[in-house]
Protein backbone atom coordinates (compact mmCIF):
# COMPACT_ATOMS: atom_id res chain seq x y z
CA MET A 1 87.62 80.39 95.88
CA LYS A 2 86.09 83.34 94.04
CA GLN A 3 87.27 85.21 91.01
CA ILE A 4 86.59 88.93 91.28
CA THR A 5 87.60 92.12 89.53
CA VAL A 6 89.46 94.57 91.79
CA MET A 7 89.42 98.29 91.03
CA GLU A 8 87.39 97.55 87.87
CA LYS A 9 90.33 96.05 86.00
CA TYR A 10 92.36 93.39 87.89
CA PRO A 11 91.19 89.75 87.71
CA VAL A 12 91.89 88.35 91.17
CA PHE A 13 91.32 84.96 92.77
CA THR A 14 90.46 85.29 96.45
CA LEU A 15 89.53 83.06 99.35
CA GLU A 16 88.53 84.06 102.86
CA ILE A 17 89.44 81.38 105.38
CA GLU A 18 87.94 81.48 108.84
CA LYS A 19 90.59 80.99 111.51
CA SER A 20 88.55 78.06 112.83
CA GLU A 21 88.93 76.34 109.42
CA THR A 22 92.74 76.16 109.45
CA THR A 23 95.53 75.02 111.73
CA ARG A 24 97.65 77.99 110.72
CA LYS A 25 97.66 80.66 113.40
CA ASN A 26 99.05 83.70 111.57
CA VAL A 27 100.25 85.13 108.25
CA ASP A 28 103.81 83.86 108.76
CA GLU A 29 102.61 80.26 109.15
CA ILE A 30 100.59 80.56 105.95
CA LEU A 31 103.59 82.01 104.10
CA ALA A 32 105.79 79.17 105.37
CA TYR A 33 103.25 76.66 104.02
CA LEU A 34 103.11 78.45 100.65
CA LYS A 35 106.91 78.61 100.49
CA SER A 36 107.07 74.83 100.95
CA LYS A 37 104.62 74.38 98.06
CA ILE A 38 106.60 76.73 95.82
CA GLU A 39 109.88 74.97 96.62
CA ALA A 40 108.33 71.54 95.92
CA HIS A 41 106.91 72.63 92.55
CA PRO A 42 108.91 71.42 89.53
CA ILE A 43 108.95 74.84 87.82
CA ALA A 44 108.09 77.53 90.38
CA ILE A 45 110.89 79.35 92.17
CA TYR A 46 110.66 81.19 95.48
CA ILE A 47 111.79 84.82 95.24
CA GLY A 48 110.95 86.36 98.59
CA GLU A 49 108.42 87.98 100.88
CA PHE A 50 107.17 91.52 101.25
CA ASP A 51 105.75 92.85 104.53
CA HIS A 52 103.13 95.18 103.13
CA TYR A 53 101.64 95.98 106.54
CA THR A 54 104.92 97.22 108.02
CA HIS A 55 105.83 99.12 104.88
CA THR A 56 102.50 100.95 104.77
CA SER A 57 102.34 101.60 108.52
CA ASN A 58 105.82 103.19 108.39
CA LEU A 59 104.81 105.67 105.70
CA GLU A 60 103.85 109.14 106.84
CA VAL A 61 100.96 109.02 104.36
CA GLY A 62 100.23 105.30 104.82
CA GLU A 63 96.66 104.15 105.44
CA ILE A 64 95.55 100.67 106.49
CA ASN A 65 91.99 99.49 106.91
CA PRO A 66 91.61 98.97 110.69
CA GLU A 67 90.18 95.48 110.04
CA ILE A 68 93.58 94.36 108.69
CA LYS A 69 95.91 93.09 111.43
CA ASP A 70 98.77 91.90 109.19
CA ALA A 71 99.42 91.74 105.43
CA LYS A 72 102.28 90.10 103.54
CA ASN A 73 103.02 88.82 100.06
CA ILE A 74 105.00 85.78 99.00
CA ILE A 75 106.62 86.17 95.59
CA CYS A 76 107.45 83.41 93.14
CA CYS A 77 107.75 82.78 89.41
CA PHE A 78 106.37 80.01 87.20
CA GLY A 79 108.10 81.24 84.03
CA LYS A 80 109.32 78.35 81.92
CA VAL A 81 109.36 80.26 78.64
CA LEU A 82 110.28 83.82 77.77
CA PRO A 83 108.67 84.31 74.34
CA LYS A 84 109.05 88.09 74.26
CA ALA A 85 110.31 90.91 76.44
CA GLU A 86 106.84 92.20 77.34
CA VAL A 87 106.04 89.00 79.26
CA LEU A 88 108.21 90.41 82.04
CA ALA A 89 105.37 92.85 82.83
CA VAL A 90 103.19 90.01 84.15
CA ARG A 91 105.90 88.26 86.16
CA PRO A 92 106.61 87.31 88.89
CA ARG A 93 103.53 86.06 90.77
CA SER A 94 102.52 87.28 94.20
CA ILE A 95 100.14 85.68 96.68
CA GLY A 96 98.84 88.09 99.30
CA VAL A 97 97.82 87.02 102.79
CA ALA A 98 95.93 89.41 105.05
CA GLU A 99 94.92 88.67 108.62
CA LEU A 100 91.60 89.99 109.90
CA SER A 101 90.28 89.46 113.40
CA ASP A 102 88.49 86.16 112.61
CA SER A 103 89.86 85.17 109.20
CA PHE A 104 92.61 85.27 106.62
CA VAL A 105 92.09 86.61 103.11
CA VAL A 106 94.37 85.04 100.53
CA SER A 107 94.47 86.46 97.02
CA PHE A 108 96.46 86.48 93.80
CA LEU A 109 96.21 88.14 90.42
CA GLU A 110 95.16 85.85 87.59
CA ALA A 111 98.25 84.63 85.75
CA PRO A 112 98.44 84.29 81.97
CA ASN A 113 99.60 80.71 82.60
CA PRO A 114 96.64 78.43 83.48
CA ASP A 115 98.99 75.92 85.15
CA ALA A 116 100.23 78.63 87.53
CA ASN A 117 96.64 79.56 88.39
CA SER A 118 95.77 75.92 89.05
CA ALA A 119 98.78 75.41 91.30
CA MET A 120 98.18 78.57 93.33
CA GLU A 121 94.46 77.84 93.66
CA SER A 122 95.20 74.31 94.86
CA TRP A 123 97.73 75.57 97.45
CA VAL A 124 95.37 78.23 98.76
CA LYS A 125 92.43 75.83 99.09
CA LYS A 126 94.59 73.55 101.28
CA ILE A 127 95.37 76.27 103.82
């Protein structure tokens, strides 16, 4: 798992998983696995999924890198405290899964909660 900066400002954890390194065959299987991890977590709550690929491909002005075959996000929240209203700006969490021809790229924005980062990193590494 690498930590990178995307667009010169977003701290992102990312992992590229070769298809030969996992038993999961597609984005939906990876999202199902992640959903099971979210639902088993004592604090995290599953919110939903977003089909980014379909959304973007349906836009008249939408552009998708031709290497990307599918792209979805699973959305959850680890919020156990709400110390001030501005915290809402960094919630909920989203884990993105993109399918390329020979691999999957899984990524998520660094959370202000180290426990959330640890959980998501652990889940992703087990894909």
